[in-house]
Amino acid sequence: MRLKAAATPSGYDVLTAEPVFLGGVGVVDEVTRAYLKDRFPDYPSPGIKVDTARTRGRRAFARWEVADALAAGTLFLRQGEAGWDVIASTTDGIDLTGLRVEPGRVRGEARTTNINSMFADVLLLDGTPVPGAPRPDGQPGAEYRYATAAGPANDAVHIDVVIPSQAVLRVGLVGGTILALSELRLS
């Protein structure tokens, strides 16, 4: 089992990171489906599938993909006292290694090799934009609240946002709907 989530910011450790989704009681595969259903507003469209999770002790990971090879990635899970939790989601072709988490701030660039639009959100734990987010109401004209910290422009998105002690970073791909999501807790 891969222990480090690929293409995450320097210093991010999936083994010790806090969860982005509390799955609670249930088997690991139920939690992976619940996470995808919660994060993809049109689930199961556009053909989102998830493989059976591979477990090793109290850790697990599951590969997910969108139909027609539009996007794919990995969910990382850890079993806590209350059940399985999603620790991180990564997307093939979204690179977060250019981001630095500093005391009270996240800055740098997220990059993609995917042809679809990339968006980035830095959120409080309750899902609302961090105070001082450049677009707290989202991307103008978007159906969903995209780009509260950055926006879809091209293959790179610059992020420079003040964060509290705990925040969530979501970087995804959009092509008519949410096609992919990389998500991790910043602390």
N, C-alpha and C. Protein backbone atom coordinates (compact mmCIF):
# COMPACT_ATOMS: atom_id res chain seq x y z
N MET A 1 0.84 -1.18 0.00
CA MET A 1 0.00 0.00 0.00
C MET A 1 0.87 1.22 0.00
N ARG A 2 0.57 2.15 -0.88
CA ARG A 2 1.29 3.41 -0.94
C ARG A 2 0.98 4.21 0.32
N LEU A 3 1.99 4.69 1.01
CA LEU A 3 1.78 5.39 2.27
C LEU A 3 1.71 6.90 2.10
N LYS A 4 2.26 7.44 1.06
CA LYS A 4 2.22 8.88 0.80
C LYS A 4 1.28 9.15 -0.36
N ALA A 5 0.39 10.08 -0.15
CA ALA A 5 -0.49 10.48 -1.24
C ALA A 5 0.34 11.27 -2.24
N ALA A 6 0.38 10.80 -3.47
CA ALA A 6 1.18 11.46 -4.52
C ALA A 6 0.66 12.86 -4.79
N ALA A 7 1.54 13.74 -5.20
CA ALA A 7 1.21 15.09 -5.65
C ALA A 7 0.53 15.94 -4.58
N THR A 8 0.91 15.76 -3.31
CA THR A 8 0.39 16.58 -2.22
C THR A 8 1.47 17.56 -1.77
N PRO A 9 1.08 18.61 -1.03
CA PRO A 9 2.07 19.58 -0.59
C PRO A 9 3.17 18.94 0.26
N SER A 10 4.34 19.54 0.21
CA SER A 10 5.46 19.08 1.02
C SER A 10 5.06 19.04 2.49
N GLY A 11 5.40 17.97 3.15
CA GLY A 11 5.09 17.83 4.57
C GLY A 11 3.74 17.21 4.86
N TYR A 12 2.89 17.06 3.84
CA TYR A 12 1.59 16.44 4.06
C TYR A 12 1.79 14.93 4.21
N ASP A 13 1.23 14.37 5.26
CA ASP A 13 1.39 12.94 5.53
C ASP A 13 0.02 12.32 5.73
N VAL A 14 -0.38 11.47 4.80
CA VAL A 14 -1.69 10.83 4.85
C VAL A 14 -1.83 9.93 6.08
N LEU A 15 -0.72 9.51 6.66
CA LEU A 15 -0.78 8.65 7.84
C LEU A 15 -1.17 9.40 9.10
N THR A 16 -0.87 10.70 9.15
CA THR A 16 -1.15 11.46 10.36
C THR A 16 -2.15 12.60 10.15
N ALA A 17 -2.52 12.86 8.91
CA ALA A 17 -3.42 13.98 8.61
C ALA A 17 -4.81 13.75 9.20
N GLU A 18 -5.48 14.85 9.48
CA GLU A 18 -6.86 14.79 9.96
C GLU A 18 -7.79 14.50 8.78
N PRO A 19 -8.94 13.87 9.04
CA PRO A 19 -9.85 13.51 7.94
C PRO A 19 -10.57 14.72 7.34
N VAL A 20 -10.97 14.53 6.07
CA VAL A 20 -11.82 15.53 5.39
C VAL A 20 -13.28 15.07 5.36
N PHE A 21 -13.51 13.80 5.71
CA PHE A 21 -14.87 13.26 5.68
C PHE A 21 -14.96 12.18 6.75
N LEU A 22 -15.85 12.37 7.71
CA LEU A 22 -16.05 11.39 8.76
C LEU A 22 -17.09 10.38 8.31
N GLY A 23 -16.65 9.17 8.06
CA GLY A 23 -17.54 8.14 7.53
C GLY A 23 -18.41 7.50 8.58
N GLY A 24 -17.90 7.41 9.81
CA GLY A 24 -18.67 6.79 10.87
C GLY A 24 -18.78 5.29 10.70
N VAL A 25 -19.80 4.73 11.29
CA VAL A 25 -20.00 3.29 11.28
C VAL A 25 -20.32 2.84 9.86
N GLY A 26 -19.72 1.78 9.44
CA GLY A 26 -19.95 1.24 8.11
C GLY A 26 -18.68 0.61 7.59
N VAL A 27 -18.84 -0.23 6.60
CA VAL A 27 -17.67 -0.85 6.00
C VAL A 27 -16.99 0.16 5.09
N VAL A 28 -15.73 -0.06 4.82
CA VAL A 28 -14.92 0.90 4.08
C VAL A 28 -15.51 1.23 2.71
N ASP A 29 -16.05 0.25 2.01
CA ASP A 29 -16.61 0.53 0.67
C ASP A 29 -17.88 1.38 0.75
N GLU A 30 -18.64 1.27 1.81
CA GLU A 30 -19.81 2.15 1.99
C GLU A 30 -19.35 3.59 2.22
N VAL A 31 -18.26 3.75 2.95
CA VAL A 31 -17.74 5.09 3.23
C VAL A 31 -17.20 5.73 1.95
N THR A 32 -16.51 4.97 1.10
CA THR A 32 -16.00 5.55 -0.15
C THR A 32 -17.16 6.03 -1.02
N ARG A 33 -18.21 5.23 -1.12
CA ARG A 33 -19.37 5.65 -1.92
C ARG A 33 -20.07 6.86 -1.30
N ALA A 34 -20.18 6.89 0.03
CA ALA A 34 -20.81 8.04 0.70
C ALA A 34 -20.02 9.32 0.46
N TYR A 35 -18.69 9.23 0.49
CA TYR A 35 -17.84 10.39 0.22
C TYR A 35 -18.06 10.90 -1.20
N LEU A 36 -18.00 10.01 -2.17
CA LEU A 36 -18.18 10.42 -3.57
C LEU A 36 -19.57 11.02 -3.79
N LYS A 37 -20.58 10.43 -3.18
CA LYS A 37 -21.94 10.96 -3.31
C LYS A 37 -22.03 12.36 -2.69
N ASP A 38 -21.34 12.57 -1.59
CA ASP A 38 -21.37 13.86 -0.91
C ASP A 38 -20.61 14.94 -1.69
N ARG A 39 -19.52 14.58 -2.32
CA ARG A 39 -18.65 15.57 -2.95
C ARG A 39 -18.97 15.84 -4.43
N PHE A 40 -19.61 14.91 -5.09
CA PHE A 40 -19.94 15.07 -6.51
C PHE A 40 -21.45 15.31 -6.61
N PRO A 41 -21.88 16.56 -6.84
CA PRO A 41 -23.30 16.90 -6.78
C PRO A 41 -24.19 16.12 -7.75
N ASP A 42 -23.64 15.63 -8.85
CA ASP A 42 -24.44 14.89 -9.83
C ASP A 42 -24.24 13.38 -9.73
N TYR A 43 -23.62 12.92 -8.63
CA TYR A 43 -23.34 11.49 -8.46
C TYR A 43 -24.60 10.66 -8.70
N PRO A 44 -24.54 9.56 -9.41
CA PRO A 44 -23.37 8.88 -9.94
C PRO A 44 -22.92 9.38 -11.30
N SER A 45 -23.57 10.40 -11.83
CA SER A 45 -23.08 11.01 -13.07
C SER A 45 -21.84 11.80 -12.75
N PRO A 46 -20.94 11.91 -13.64
CA PRO A 46 -20.86 11.39 -15.00
C PRO A 46 -20.18 10.03 -15.07
N GLY A 47 -20.81 9.03 -14.56
CA GLY A 47 -20.26 7.67 -14.63
C GLY A 47 -19.16 7.42 -13.61
N ILE A 48 -19.33 7.93 -12.39
CA ILE A 48 -18.32 7.76 -11.35
C ILE A 48 -18.37 6.32 -10.83
N LYS A 49 -17.21 5.68 -10.82
CA LYS A 49 -17.08 4.32 -10.30
C LYS A 49 -15.95 4.30 -9.29
N VAL A 50 -16.06 3.42 -8.33
CA VAL A 50 -14.99 3.26 -7.34
C VAL A 50 -14.70 1.76 -7.19
N ASP A 51 -13.42 1.43 -7.16
CA ASP A 51 -13.00 0.05 -6.96
C ASP A 51 -13.22 -0.36 -5.51
N THR A 52 -13.23 -1.65 -5.27
CA THR A 52 -13.26 -2.16 -3.90
C THR A 52 -11.99 -1.69 -3.20
N ALA A 53 -12.14 -1.20 -1.99
CA ALA A 53 -11.00 -0.68 -1.25
C ALA A 53 -10.02 -1.79 -0.90
N ARG A 54 -8.76 -1.44 -0.95
CA ARG A 54 -7.70 -2.34 -0.51
C ARG A 54 -7.30 -1.91 0.89
N THR A 55 -7.35 -2.83 1.82
CA THR A 55 -7.07 -2.49 3.21
C THR A 55 -5.80 -3.18 3.70
N ARG A 56 -5.17 -2.52 4.63
CA ARG A 56 -4.04 -3.07 5.36
C ARG A 56 -4.15 -2.53 6.77
N GLY A 57 -4.59 -3.39 7.67
CA GLY A 57 -4.79 -2.94 9.05
C GLY A 57 -5.87 -1.88 9.11
N ARG A 58 -5.50 -0.73 9.67
CA ARG A 58 -6.44 0.38 9.85
C ARG A 58 -6.35 1.42 8.74
N ARG A 59 -5.67 1.07 7.64
CA ARG A 59 -5.55 1.97 6.49
C ARG A 59 -6.15 1.31 5.27
N ALA A 60 -6.62 2.16 4.34
CA ALA A 60 -7.19 1.63 3.10
C ALA A 60 -7.06 2.69 2.01
N PHE A 61 -7.12 2.21 0.78
CA PHE A 61 -7.23 3.15 -0.33
C PHE A 61 -8.10 2.52 -1.40
N ALA A 62 -8.75 3.38 -2.17
CA ALA A 62 -9.64 2.93 -3.24
C ALA A 62 -9.45 3.84 -4.44
N ARG A 63 -9.31 3.24 -5.61
CA ARG A 63 -9.21 4.00 -6.86
C ARG A 63 -10.62 4.34 -7.34
N TRP A 64 -10.81 5.55 -7.84
CA TRP A 64 -12.07 5.98 -8.42
C TRP A 64 -11.79 6.50 -9.83
N GLU A 65 -12.83 6.53 -10.66
CA GLU A 65 -12.67 7.07 -12.00
C GLU A 65 -14.00 7.59 -12.51
N VAL A 66 -13.91 8.46 -13.50
CA VAL A 66 -15.07 9.02 -14.18
C VAL A 66 -15.10 8.41 -15.58
N ALA A 67 -16.30 8.13 -16.07
CA ALA A 67 -16.47 7.49 -17.39
C ALA A 67 -15.67 8.19 -18.47
N ASP A 68 -15.34 7.44 -19.50
CA ASP A 68 -14.60 7.93 -20.65
C ASP A 68 -13.22 8.46 -20.30
N ALA A 69 -12.66 7.99 -19.18
CA ALA A 69 -11.31 8.36 -18.73
C ALA A 69 -11.14 9.87 -18.57
N LEU A 70 -12.23 10.56 -18.19
CA LEU A 70 -12.14 12.01 -17.99
C LEU A 70 -11.28 12.36 -16.79
N ALA A 71 -11.30 11.51 -15.76
CA ALA A 71 -10.51 11.74 -14.56
C ALA A 71 -10.48 10.46 -13.74
N ALA A 72 -9.46 10.35 -12.90
CA ALA A 72 -9.32 9.21 -11.99
C ALA A 72 -8.48 9.66 -10.82
N GLY A 73 -8.55 8.91 -9.74
CA GLY A 73 -7.76 9.26 -8.57
C GLY A 73 -7.85 8.20 -7.50
N THR A 74 -7.43 8.59 -6.30
CA THR A 74 -7.35 7.66 -5.17
C THR A 74 -7.94 8.31 -3.93
N LEU A 75 -8.73 7.53 -3.20
CA LEU A 75 -9.21 7.93 -1.87
C LEU A 75 -8.35 7.22 -0.84
N PHE A 76 -7.89 7.95 0.15
CA PHE A 76 -7.11 7.39 1.26
C PHE A 76 -7.98 7.41 2.50
N LEU A 77 -8.08 6.28 3.17
CA LEU A 77 -8.94 6.15 4.34
C LEU A 77 -8.16 5.61 5.53
N ARG A 78 -8.68 5.91 6.72
CA ARG A 78 -8.09 5.38 7.94
C ARG A 78 -9.23 5.04 8.89
N GLN A 79 -9.08 3.94 9.59
CA GLN A 79 -10.11 3.52 10.53
C GLN A 79 -9.84 4.17 11.88
N GLY A 80 -10.85 4.90 12.35
CA GLY A 80 -10.77 5.52 13.66
C GLY A 80 -11.68 4.79 14.62
N GLU A 81 -11.88 5.36 15.78
CA GLU A 81 -12.72 4.72 16.79
C GLU A 81 -14.17 4.62 16.35
N ALA A 82 -14.64 5.59 15.57
CA ALA A 82 -16.05 5.60 15.14
C ALA A 82 -16.26 4.90 13.80
N GLY A 83 -15.19 4.50 13.12
CA GLY A 83 -15.32 3.84 11.83
C GLY A 83 -14.31 4.39 10.84
N TRP A 84 -14.57 4.15 9.56
CA TRP A 84 -13.65 4.58 8.50
C TRP A 84 -13.87 6.05 8.15
N ASP A 85 -12.79 6.80 7.98
CA ASP A 85 -12.82 8.20 7.58
C ASP A 85 -12.00 8.38 6.32
N VAL A 86 -12.41 9.31 5.46
CA VAL A 86 -11.62 9.66 4.29
C VAL A 86 -10.61 10.72 4.73
N ILE A 87 -9.33 10.41 4.55
CA ILE A 87 -8.27 11.32 4.94
C ILE A 87 -7.95 12.28 3.80
N ALA A 88 -7.91 11.76 2.58
CA ALA A 88 -7.58 12.60 1.43
C ALA A 88 -8.13 11.97 0.17
N SER A 89 -8.32 12.82 -0.82
CA SER A 89 -8.65 12.39 -2.17
C SER A 89 -7.63 13.03 -3.09
N THR A 90 -7.06 12.25 -3.97
CA THR A 90 -6.14 12.80 -4.97
C THR A 90 -6.68 12.51 -6.36
N THR A 91 -6.28 13.35 -7.31
CA THR A 91 -6.69 13.19 -8.70
C THR A 91 -5.44 13.07 -9.56
N ASP A 92 -5.40 12.04 -10.39
CA ASP A 92 -4.29 11.91 -11.33
C ASP A 92 -4.26 13.17 -12.19
N GLY A 93 -3.09 13.76 -12.33
CA GLY A 93 -2.96 14.95 -13.16
C GLY A 93 -3.19 16.26 -12.44
N ILE A 94 -3.53 16.23 -11.15
CA ILE A 94 -3.57 17.45 -10.34
C ILE A 94 -2.38 17.38 -9.39
N ASP A 95 -1.51 18.36 -9.49
CA ASP A 95 -0.27 18.39 -8.72
C ASP A 95 -0.33 19.52 -7.70
N LEU A 96 -0.28 19.16 -6.43
CA LEU A 96 -0.33 20.14 -5.34
C LEU A 96 1.04 20.32 -4.69
N THR A 97 2.09 19.74 -5.28
CA THR A 97 3.42 19.84 -4.66
C THR A 97 3.96 21.26 -4.67
N GLY A 98 3.40 22.14 -5.49
CA GLY A 98 3.83 23.53 -5.53
C GLY A 98 3.21 24.39 -4.44
N LEU A 99 2.41 23.80 -3.57
CA LEU A 99 1.78 24.55 -2.47
C LEU A 99 2.59 24.38 -1.20
N ARG A 100 2.65 25.46 -0.42
CA ARG A 100 3.31 25.42 0.88
C ARG A 100 2.28 25.81 1.94
N VAL A 101 2.24 25.02 2.99
CA VAL A 101 1.40 25.36 4.12
C VAL A 101 2.33 25.96 5.16
N GLU A 102 2.11 27.24 5.44
CA GLU A 102 2.92 27.97 6.41
C GLU A 102 2.02 28.32 7.58
N PRO A 103 2.58 28.72 8.70
CA PRO A 103 1.72 29.12 9.82
C PRO A 103 0.74 30.22 9.38
N GLY A 104 -0.53 29.88 9.41
CA GLY A 104 -1.58 30.85 9.09
C GLY A 104 -1.79 31.15 7.62
N ARG A 105 -1.19 30.37 6.71
CA ARG A 105 -1.33 30.70 5.29
C ARG A 105 -1.04 29.47 4.43
N VAL A 106 -1.71 29.41 3.27
CA VAL A 106 -1.35 28.44 2.23
C VAL A 106 -1.08 29.25 0.98
N ARG A 107 0.04 28.95 0.33
CA ARG A 107 0.40 29.70 -0.88
C ARG A 107 1.17 28.83 -1.85
N GLY A 108 1.10 29.21 -3.09
CA GLY A 108 1.81 28.49 -4.14
C GLY A 108 0.89 28.23 -5.31
N GLU A 109 1.24 27.20 -6.09
CA GLU A 109 0.46 26.88 -7.28
C GLU A 109 0.00 25.44 -7.29
N ALA A 110 -1.23 25.27 -7.72
CA ALA A 110 -1.76 23.95 -8.05
C ALA A 110 -1.70 23.86 -9.57
N ARG A 111 -1.31 22.71 -10.09
CA ARG A 111 -1.18 22.53 -11.54
C ARG A 111 -1.96 21.32 -12.00
N THR A 112 -2.32 21.33 -13.29
CA THR A 112 -2.98 20.17 -13.86
C THR A 112 -2.49 19.92 -15.27
N THR A 113 -2.58 18.66 -15.66
CA THR A 113 -2.31 18.28 -17.05
C THR A 113 -3.62 17.94 -17.76
N ASN A 114 -4.74 18.04 -17.05
CA ASN A 114 -6.05 17.72 -17.60
C ASN A 114 -6.56 18.89 -18.44
N ILE A 115 -7.34 18.60 -19.47
CA ILE A 115 -7.85 19.67 -20.36
C ILE A 115 -9.05 20.41 -19.78
N ASN A 116 -9.67 19.88 -18.73
CA ASN A 116 -10.84 20.52 -18.14
C ASN A 116 -10.42 21.67 -17.22
N SER A 117 -11.36 22.54 -16.88
CA SER A 117 -11.08 23.70 -16.03
C SER A 117 -10.77 23.26 -14.61
N MET A 118 -9.77 23.88 -14.03
CA MET A 118 -9.39 23.58 -12.65
C MET A 118 -9.92 24.69 -11.75
N PHE A 119 -10.38 24.32 -10.56
CA PHE A 119 -10.80 25.30 -9.57
C PHE A 119 -10.14 24.94 -8.25
N ALA A 120 -10.07 25.91 -7.35
CA ALA A 120 -9.51 25.66 -6.03
C ALA A 120 -10.32 26.40 -4.98
N ASP A 121 -10.59 25.72 -3.90
CA ASP A 121 -11.29 26.31 -2.77
C ASP A 121 -10.49 26.05 -1.51
N VAL A 122 -10.39 27.05 -0.65
CA VAL A 122 -9.84 26.88 0.68
C VAL A 122 -10.99 27.21 1.62
N LEU A 123 -11.38 26.21 2.41
CA LEU A 123 -12.62 26.30 3.19
C LEU A 123 -12.38 26.09 4.67
N LEU A 124 -13.26 26.66 5.47
CA LEU A 124 -13.30 26.33 6.89
C LEU A 124 -13.85 24.91 7.02
N LEU A 125 -13.75 24.33 8.18
CA LEU A 125 -14.21 22.96 8.37
C LEU A 125 -15.71 22.81 8.13
N ASP A 126 -16.48 23.90 8.26
CA ASP A 126 -17.92 23.82 8.01
C ASP A 126 -18.27 23.95 6.52
N GLY A 127 -17.25 24.08 5.65
CA GLY A 127 -17.48 24.15 4.21
C GLY A 127 -17.65 25.55 3.66
N THR A 128 -17.56 26.58 4.49
CA THR A 128 -17.66 27.95 4.01
C THR A 128 -16.26 28.48 3.68
N PRO A 129 -16.17 29.47 2.78
CA PRO A 129 -14.86 30.00 2.41
C PRO A 129 -14.13 30.60 3.62
N VAL A 130 -12.81 30.49 3.63
CA VAL A 130 -12.03 31.12 4.69
C VAL A 130 -12.25 32.63 4.64
N PRO A 131 -12.19 33.30 5.79
CA PRO A 131 -12.31 34.76 5.77
C PRO A 131 -11.25 35.37 4.85
N GLY A 132 -11.64 36.33 4.07
CA GLY A 132 -10.70 36.98 3.16
C GLY A 132 -10.51 36.25 1.85
N ALA A 133 -11.32 35.21 1.57
CA ALA A 133 -11.23 34.51 0.29
C ALA A 133 -11.54 35.51 -0.83
N PRO A 134 -10.78 35.47 -1.93
CA PRO A 134 -11.00 36.44 -3.01
C PRO A 134 -12.42 36.44 -3.59
N ARG A 135 -13.05 35.29 -3.66
CA ARG A 135 -14.41 35.22 -4.21
C ARG A 135 -15.29 34.40 -3.26
N PRO A 136 -15.69 34.94 -2.13
CA PRO A 136 -16.45 34.15 -1.16
C PRO A 136 -17.82 33.69 -1.67
N ASP A 137 -18.32 34.31 -2.73
CA ASP A 137 -19.59 33.88 -3.31
C ASP A 137 -19.39 32.95 -4.49
N GLY A 138 -18.15 32.60 -4.78
CA GLY A 138 -17.86 31.67 -5.86
C GLY A 138 -17.55 32.34 -7.18
N GLN A 139 -17.32 31.52 -8.17
CA GLN A 139 -17.02 31.98 -9.52
C GLN A 139 -18.28 32.57 -10.14
N PRO A 140 -18.25 33.82 -10.61
CA PRO A 140 -19.45 34.42 -11.21
C PRO A 140 -19.99 33.55 -12.36
N GLY A 141 -21.29 33.29 -12.31
CA GLY A 141 -21.94 32.53 -13.36
C GLY A 141 -21.89 31.03 -13.20
N ALA A 142 -21.14 30.52 -12.22
CA ALA A 142 -21.04 29.07 -12.03
C ALA A 142 -22.25 28.57 -11.26
N GLU A 143 -22.72 27.39 -11.65
CA GLU A 143 -23.87 26.80 -10.96
C GLU A 143 -23.51 26.38 -9.53
N TYR A 144 -22.29 25.89 -9.36
CA TYR A 144 -21.82 25.48 -8.03
C TYR A 144 -20.87 26.54 -7.51
N ARG A 145 -20.59 26.50 -6.23
CA ARG A 145 -19.68 27.47 -5.63
C ARG A 145 -18.24 27.06 -5.93
N TYR A 146 -17.72 27.49 -7.06
CA TYR A 146 -16.35 27.20 -7.45
C TYR A 146 -15.44 28.37 -7.12
N ALA A 147 -14.21 28.06 -6.91
CA ALA A 147 -13.13 29.04 -6.92
C ALA A 147 -13.26 30.12 -5.87
N THR A 148 -13.45 29.74 -4.64
CA THR A 148 -13.49 30.75 -3.59
C THR A 148 -12.09 31.22 -3.24
N ALA A 149 -11.07 30.46 -3.61
CA ALA A 149 -9.70 30.89 -3.36
C ALA A 149 -8.93 31.13 -4.64
N ALA A 150 -9.41 30.62 -5.72
CA ALA A 150 -8.75 30.79 -7.01
C ALA A 150 -9.79 30.48 -8.08
N GLY A 151 -9.41 30.41 -9.31
CA GLY A 151 -10.43 30.18 -10.32
C GLY A 151 -9.96 29.39 -11.50
N PRO A 152 -10.90 28.91 -12.30
CA PRO A 152 -10.51 28.15 -13.49
C PRO A 152 -9.96 29.11 -14.55
N ALA A 153 -8.75 28.90 -14.91
CA ALA A 153 -8.15 29.78 -15.91
C ALA A 153 -7.40 28.95 -16.93
N ASN A 154 -6.39 28.25 -16.50
CA ASN A 154 -5.61 27.42 -17.40
C ASN A 154 -4.99 26.27 -16.61
N ASP A 155 -3.77 25.90 -16.89
CA ASP A 155 -3.20 24.72 -16.25
C ASP A 155 -2.59 24.97 -14.87
N ALA A 156 -2.62 26.21 -14.38
CA ALA A 156 -2.09 26.52 -13.06
C ALA A 156 -3.02 27.51 -12.36
N VAL A 157 -3.17 27.33 -11.06
CA VAL A 157 -3.96 28.24 -10.24
C VAL A 157 -3.08 28.67 -9.08
N HIS A 158 -2.92 29.98 -8.93
CA HIS A 158 -2.14 30.53 -7.83
C HIS A 158 -3.05 30.67 -6.60
N ILE A 159 -2.56 30.21 -5.48
CA ILE A 159 -3.31 30.28 -4.22
C ILE A 159 -2.45 31.01 -3.20
N ASP A 160 -3.03 31.99 -2.54
CA ASP A 160 -2.36 32.71 -1.46
C ASP A 160 -3.46 33.18 -0.53
N VAL A 161 -3.76 32.38 0.49
CA VAL A 161 -4.91 32.62 1.34
C VAL A 161 -4.51 32.43 2.81
N VAL A 162 -5.00 33.32 3.64
CA VAL A 162 -4.83 33.18 5.08
C VAL A 162 -5.77 32.08 5.56
N ILE A 163 -5.25 31.20 6.41
CA ILE A 163 -6.08 30.10 6.93
C ILE A 163 -6.02 30.09 8.45
N PRO A 164 -7.10 29.60 9.07
CA PRO A 164 -7.06 29.39 10.52
C PRO A 164 -6.22 28.14 10.81
N SER A 165 -6.23 27.69 12.03
CA SER A 165 -5.41 26.52 12.38
C SER A 165 -5.82 25.26 11.62
N GLN A 166 -7.07 25.18 11.18
CA GLN A 166 -7.57 24.04 10.41
C GLN A 166 -8.38 24.56 9.22
N ALA A 167 -8.09 24.04 8.05
CA ALA A 167 -8.84 24.41 6.85
C ALA A 167 -8.79 23.21 5.90
N VAL A 168 -9.62 23.25 4.87
CA VAL A 168 -9.67 22.18 3.88
C VAL A 168 -9.34 22.79 2.52
N LEU A 169 -8.47 22.12 1.79
CA LEU A 169 -8.14 22.51 0.43
C LEU A 169 -8.84 21.55 -0.52
N ARG A 170 -9.62 22.10 -1.46
CA ARG A 170 -10.26 21.30 -2.51
C ARG A 170 -9.83 21.86 -3.86
N VAL A 171 -9.23 21.03 -4.66
CA VAL A 171 -8.84 21.40 -6.01
C VAL A 171 -9.47 20.38 -6.93
N GLY A 172 -10.23 20.85 -7.90
CA GLY A 172 -10.95 19.91 -8.75
C GLY A 172 -10.96 20.32 -10.20
N LEU A 173 -11.59 19.47 -10.97
CA LEU A 173 -11.75 19.69 -12.40
C LEU A 173 -13.23 19.79 -12.72
N VAL A 174 -13.56 20.73 -13.60
CA VAL A 174 -14.95 20.95 -13.98
C VAL A 174 -15.05 20.91 -15.50
N GLY A 175 -16.04 20.18 -15.97
CA GLY A 175 -16.35 20.13 -17.39
C GLY A 175 -17.84 19.89 -17.53
N GLY A 176 -18.63 20.90 -17.23
CA GLY A 176 -20.09 20.76 -17.23
C GLY A 176 -20.60 20.33 -15.87
N THR A 177 -19.81 19.60 -15.12
CA THR A 177 -20.09 19.18 -13.75
C THR A 177 -18.74 18.93 -13.09
N ILE A 178 -18.75 18.65 -11.80
CA ILE A 178 -17.49 18.31 -11.14
C ILE A 178 -17.05 16.94 -11.63
N LEU A 179 -15.85 16.89 -12.20
CA LEU A 179 -15.30 15.65 -12.76
C LEU A 179 -14.27 15.01 -11.84
N ALA A 180 -13.65 15.79 -10.98
CA ALA A 180 -12.57 15.27 -10.14
C ALA A 180 -12.36 16.17 -8.96
N LEU A 181 -11.81 15.60 -7.88
CA LEU A 181 -11.58 16.37 -6.68
C LEU A 181 -10.38 15.84 -5.93
N SER A 182 -9.43 16.72 -5.69
CA SER A 182 -8.35 16.46 -4.75
C SER A 182 -8.68 17.25 -3.50
N GLU A 183 -8.64 16.60 -2.35
CA GLU A 183 -9.06 17.26 -1.12
C GLU A 183 -8.21 16.78 0.03
N LEU A 184 -7.77 17.73 0.86
CA LEU A 184 -7.01 17.36 2.06
C LEU A 184 -7.16 18.44 3.11
N ARG A 185 -6.93 18.04 4.35
CA ARG A 185 -7.03 18.96 5.48
C ARG A 185 -5.69 19.63 5.68
N LEU A 186 -5.71 20.96 5.82
CA LEU A 186 -4.51 21.73 6.10
C LEU A 186 -4.47 22.05 7.59
N SER A 187 -3.34 21.83 8.20
CA SER A 187 -3.20 22.18 9.62
C SER A 187 -1.77 22.56 9.92
